[in-house]
Amino acid sequence: MTDLFAELISPERVVFAGEVRSVVLPGVEGDMTVMPGHQHLVTALHPGIVFAIDAAGTGRRAFVRGALAEVTAKRVTILAERVLAVEELTGDQIDAEILQLQTQRDATRDEATRAGFDVSIARLEEFKAGLEL
């Protein structure tokens, strides 16, 4: 028994729900690893990869955008506007995600908001380069 339950939910469906050993989240204040007993928090997530190790020890990865995570000592709930299996990602899809973020960044004059978009864009560009897409 792992004592940590994780859910990844999109508007269309529950993408994953089950026992996990740990979950790595692309938090807006930095990447974080959640394990059983973690302090309670709610955080927005950068567009990026959520990585979980399930109870059997198998790694599971998914791309999320527009996501919010709630963490308690025994549960991680991720609500995401968009979820894609990493294996389904193409270079064109990542480029489309980057373009959408650039459009949103260019539509605001708030420097803190723009900086947040810049970080998200850079993370996706780095991810794409790492996958050599």
Foldseek 3Di string as FASTA:
>chain_A
DFLAWEWEAEPVGTPDTAAFQWKWFQFLVGIDIDGAQDDWDKTWHQFDKIWTQHPVRDIFIKTFHQWMWTDHNRYIYIYGHDIDGPVPDDPVVLVVVLVVLVVVLVVDPDPVSNVSSVVSNVNSVVVCVVVVD
